[in-house]
Protein backbone atom coordinates (compact mmCIF):
# COMPACT_ATOMS: atom_id res chain seq x y z
CA MET A 1 4.75 21.92 6.70
CA ILE A 2 4.49 19.81 3.53
CA LEU A 3 3.39 16.79 5.57
CA ASP A 4 0.72 18.84 7.30
CA LEU A 5 -0.58 20.02 3.91
CA TYR A 6 -0.59 16.43 2.61
CA ASN A 7 -2.53 15.30 5.71
CA ARG A 8 -5.12 18.06 5.31
CA ILE A 9 -5.66 17.15 1.65
CA ASN A 10 -6.08 13.49 2.67
CA GLU A 11 -8.71 14.53 5.23
CA VAL A 12 -10.67 16.62 2.75
CA VAL A 13 -10.61 13.91 0.04
CA PHE A 14 -11.71 11.20 2.47
CA LYS A 15 -14.57 13.29 3.85
CA LYS A 16 -15.82 14.04 0.37
CA PHE A 17 -15.35 10.71 -1.38
CA LYS A 18 -15.10 8.31 1.61
CA ALA A 19 -12.08 6.67 -0.03
CA PRO A 20 -8.26 6.84 0.21
CA TRP A 21 -6.43 9.52 -1.75
CA VAL A 22 -5.44 7.45 -4.76
CA LYS A 23 -6.50 7.57 -8.41
CA ALA A 24 -9.83 5.86 -9.08
CA LYS A 25 -8.12 3.45 -11.46
CA GLU A 26 -5.79 2.41 -8.64
CA LEU A 27 -8.56 2.12 -6.09
CA HIS A 28 -10.53 -0.16 -8.40
CA ILE A 29 -7.56 -2.52 -8.69
CA ILE A 30 -6.99 -2.70 -4.93
CA GLU A 31 -10.71 -3.23 -4.27
CA GLU A 32 -10.99 -5.98 -6.90
CA VAL A 33 -7.98 -7.87 -5.51
CA LEU A 34 -9.27 -7.62 -1.95
CA HIS A 35 -12.79 -8.73 -2.90
CA SER A 36 -11.43 -11.71 -4.86
CA LEU A 37 -8.83 -12.69 -2.29
CA ASN A 38 -10.96 -12.06 0.84
CA PRO A 39 -7.86 -12.26 3.06
CA ALA A 40 -7.95 -13.09 6.75
CA CYS A 41 -4.61 -11.59 7.73
CA CYS A 42 -3.46 -8.30 6.22
CA LEU A 43 -0.30 -6.29 6.78
CA GLU A 44 0.13 -2.64 5.80
CA TRP A 45 3.23 -0.49 5.97
CA GLY A 46 2.03 3.13 6.02
CA SER A 47 -1.22 3.97 7.78
CA GLY A 48 -3.79 6.18 6.13
CA TYR A 49 -7.41 6.25 5.05
CA SER A 50 -6.78 2.88 3.44
CA THR A 51 -6.55 1.62 7.04
CA ILE A 52 -10.10 2.83 7.62
CA TYR A 53 -11.60 2.13 4.19
CA PHE A 54 -10.49 -1.39 3.23
CA PRO A 55 -11.01 -3.60 6.35
CA PRO A 56 -14.86 -3.22 6.52
CA MET A 57 -15.17 -4.72 3.02
CA LEU A 58 -13.47 -7.96 4.09
CA PRO A 59 -15.98 -10.35 5.73
CA ASP A 60 -13.37 -12.97 6.70
CA LEU A 61 -10.78 -10.52 8.00
CA GLU A 62 -9.23 -11.48 11.33
CA VAL A 63 -6.54 -8.81 11.60
CA TRP A 64 -5.41 -5.76 9.63
CA GLN A 65 -1.99 -4.81 11.03
CA SER A 66 -0.87 -1.34 10.03
CA ILE A 67 2.57 0.10 10.78
CA GLU A 68 3.06 3.89 10.94
CA HIS A 69 6.19 5.97 11.56
CA ASN A 70 4.60 9.35 12.22
CA LYS A 71 3.18 9.72 15.75
CA ASP A 72 0.71 12.54 15.01
CA TRP A 73 -0.61 10.88 11.84
CA GLY A 74 -0.80 7.47 13.51
CA CYS A 75 -2.88 8.87 16.35
CA HIS A 76 -5.09 10.72 13.91
CA ILE A 77 -5.90 7.53 12.01
CA SER A 78 -6.25 5.41 15.17
CA GLU A 79 -8.91 7.78 16.51
CA LYS A 80 -11.02 7.22 13.41
CA ILE A 81 -10.88 3.39 13.41
CA GLN A 82 -14.09 1.70 14.51
CA ASP A 83 -13.12 -1.83 13.50
CA ASN A 84 -11.62 -3.89 16.36
CA ARG A 85 -9.85 -6.11 13.81
CA VAL A 86 -7.59 -3.22 12.88
CA ASP A 87 -4.46 -2.30 14.81
CA VAL A 88 -2.10 0.61 14.15
CA LYS A 89 1.41 0.11 15.49
CA LEU A 90 3.50 3.25 15.86
CA ILE A 91 7.22 2.72 15.24
CA GLU A 92 9.16 5.96 14.91
CA PRO A 93 12.37 6.13 12.84
CA ASP A 94 15.64 4.78 14.32
CA ASP A 95 17.29 7.81 12.79
CA PRO A 96 15.30 10.95 13.77
CA LYS A 97 16.83 12.84 10.85
CA GLN A 98 14.87 10.61 8.45
CA ARG A 99 11.54 11.99 9.66
CA ARG A 100 11.75 14.71 7.03
CA TYR A 101 12.71 12.48 4.12
CA VAL A 102 10.07 11.36 1.68
CA GLU A 103 11.36 7.78 1.53
CA GLY A 104 14.00 6.79 4.05
CA ASN A 105 16.01 3.58 4.10
CA TYR A 106 16.52 0.46 6.18
CA LYS A 107 19.17 2.06 8.37
CA GLY A 108 16.79 4.82 9.37
CA PHE A 109 13.68 2.60 9.63
CA ARG A 110 15.02 -0.77 10.74
CA ARG A 111 12.46 -1.39 13.54
CA TYR A 112 9.64 -0.12 11.32
CA VAL A 113 10.54 -2.51 8.52
CA ASP A 114 11.30 -5.51 10.77
CA PHE A 115 8.34 -5.27 13.15
CA PRO A 116 6.23 -7.92 11.34
CA LYS A 117 8.91 -10.53 12.10
CA SER A 118 7.96 -10.29 15.76
CA VAL A 119 4.34 -11.22 14.98
CA ARG A 120 5.47 -14.63 13.76
CA ARG A 121 2.81 -15.29 11.16
CA THR A 122 2.39 -15.30 7.41
CA TRP A 123 0.03 -12.85 5.71
CA ASP A 124 -2.58 -13.27 3.01
CA PHE A 125 -2.29 -9.68 1.79
CA ILE A 126 0.46 -7.09 2.20
CA PHE A 127 0.05 -3.44 1.17
CA ILE A 128 3.20 -1.33 0.99
CA ASP A 129 2.56 2.42 1.04
CA GLY A 130 4.88 3.87 3.67
CA ARG A 131 8.60 4.42 4.25
CA ALA A 132 11.59 2.36 3.11
CA ARG A 133 9.37 0.62 0.59
CA LYS A 134 12.10 -1.25 -1.19
CA ASP A 135 13.18 -2.84 2.11
CA CYS A 136 9.57 -3.60 3.01
CA LEU A 137 9.13 -5.33 -0.36
CA ARG A 138 12.14 -7.54 0.29
CA LEU A 139 10.75 -8.61 3.67
CA ALA A 140 7.22 -9.05 2.24
CA TYR A 141 8.55 -11.90 0.10
CA GLN A 142 9.44 -13.77 3.29
CA LEU A 143 6.20 -12.95 5.11
CA ILE A 144 3.53 -13.51 2.44
CA SER A 145 1.78 -16.87 2.21
CA ASP A 146 2.30 -18.91 -0.97
CA ASN A 147 -1.09 -17.90 -2.33
CA GLY A 148 -1.06 -14.41 -0.82
CA VAL A 149 -0.74 -11.15 -2.73
CA VAL A 150 1.63 -8.24 -2.22
CA MET A 151 0.80 -4.74 -3.53
CA LEU A 152 3.22 -1.82 -3.77
CA HIS A 153 1.79 1.67 -4.28
CA ASP A 154 3.66 4.45 -6.11
CA ALA A 155 5.31 1.87 -8.32
CA ASN A 156 5.99 4.56 -10.94
CA ARG A 157 9.15 5.23 -8.91
CA ASP A 158 11.65 3.03 -10.73
CA GLU A 159 13.95 2.68 -7.71
CA TYR A 160 11.35 0.61 -5.88
CA LEU A 161 11.48 -2.16 -8.47
CA THR A 162 15.21 -2.70 -8.81
CA ASP A 163 16.19 -6.13 -7.43
CA VAL A 164 12.61 -7.25 -6.83
CA PRO A 165 12.39 -10.58 -4.91
CA PRO A 166 11.66 -13.60 -7.13
CA PHE A 167 7.87 -13.52 -7.09
CA THR A 168 6.67 -16.05 -9.66
CA HIS A 169 3.69 -13.96 -10.70
CA GLN A 170 4.00 -10.17 -11.14
CA VAL A 171 2.17 -7.35 -12.91
CA LEU A 172 2.94 -3.66 -13.05
CA PHE A 173 0.46 -0.83 -13.71
CA LYS A 174 2.50 2.23 -14.56
CA ASP A 175 1.62 5.57 -16.13
CA TYR A 176 2.99 9.01 -17.01
CA ARG A 177 3.50 10.17 -13.41
CA LYS A 178 7.11 9.91 -12.27
CA GLY A 179 7.13 10.61 -8.54
CA ARG A 180 3.86 9.01 -7.50
CA GLY A 181 1.12 6.63 -8.56
CA GLY A 182 1.29 3.23 -10.17
CA ILE A 183 0.76 -0.22 -8.65
CA TRP A 184 2.93 -3.34 -8.64
CA ILE A 185 1.37 -6.68 -7.64
CA GLY A 186 3.15 -9.93 -6.89
CA SER A 187 2.52 -13.46 -5.63
CA LYS A 188 4.62 -16.58 -5.11
CA LYS A 189 2.15 -19.18 -6.40
CA ARG A 190 -1.21 -17.55 -7.07
CA LYS A 191 -1.88 -16.59 -10.66
CA LEU A 192 -2.84 -12.97 -10.48
CA LYS A 193 -5.56 -13.36 -13.11
CA THR A 194 -7.51 -15.30 -10.47
CA VAL A 195 -7.90 -12.13 -8.38
CA LEU A 196 -7.79 -9.40 -11.04
CA ASP A 197 -8.99 -8.88 -14.59
CA ILE A 198 -5.56 -7.73 -15.72
CA LYS A 199 -6.39 -7.23 -19.40
CA GLU A 200 -9.40 -5.04 -18.63
CA HIS A 201 -7.47 -2.87 -16.20
CA LYS A 202 -4.56 -2.51 -18.62
CA ARG A 203 -7.07 -1.37 -21.24
CA LEU A 204 -8.57 1.18 -18.88
CA TRP A 205 -5.14 2.49 -17.93
CA LYS A 206 -4.28 3.06 -21.61
CA ILE A 207 -7.50 5.03 -22.09
CA HIS A 208 -6.76 7.12 -19.00
CA GLU A 209 -3.21 7.72 -20.26
CA VAL A 210 -4.47 9.12 -23.55
CA MET A 211 -7.05 11.34 -21.84
CA ALA A 212 -4.49 12.58 -19.34
CA ARG A 213 -2.11 13.66 -22.08
CA ILE A 214 -4.86 15.37 -24.05
CA PHE A 215 -6.16 17.34 -21.10
CA PHE A 216 -2.77 17.74 -19.33
CA LEU A 217 -3.96 15.91 -16.22
CA ARG A 218 -1.54 15.25 -13.42
């Protein structure tokens, strides 16, 4: 029931704003990184309106591989895709009981997490916004190209960032929200300032933080 409500909200937001259901300050960061990086090969754990929205803005994109655990939601997104460079791979949980959990773990989502290994390629951009995110982040370190960029959504959740792989370059955008929101970005060799104006976005996040506390925004 909660998932159905979440999906309906996503649908309404996308129809109205033609963008994924994330804060504008987060969307601007993702867009800027993608425009600057212009990746050819992209991997995404967790399908959604990001799967529809981001690929068309990438002129050099060859493949956007999205992995989804929920059959109904995966079919819903697949039906809306009009870009033949995008593929949604449905991989349901190994442990059916974990369908109802918000997060899940490697034991319950082993095939979902490990699927990119079977593709046998490195990726220029990896977006983590699905299940078992901590385990996906660990694998992303092995799969990302040296100059590629990994992004983790909902990085306000502290548990995601314990024992982070040794990315040389990292930046975290975190705010007052505890259970959602926030973005972590990492790369092995690429300096992140080459794909994102970090200082400007940090400044904007501070302004938003002040306004949110004044007006009790959530």
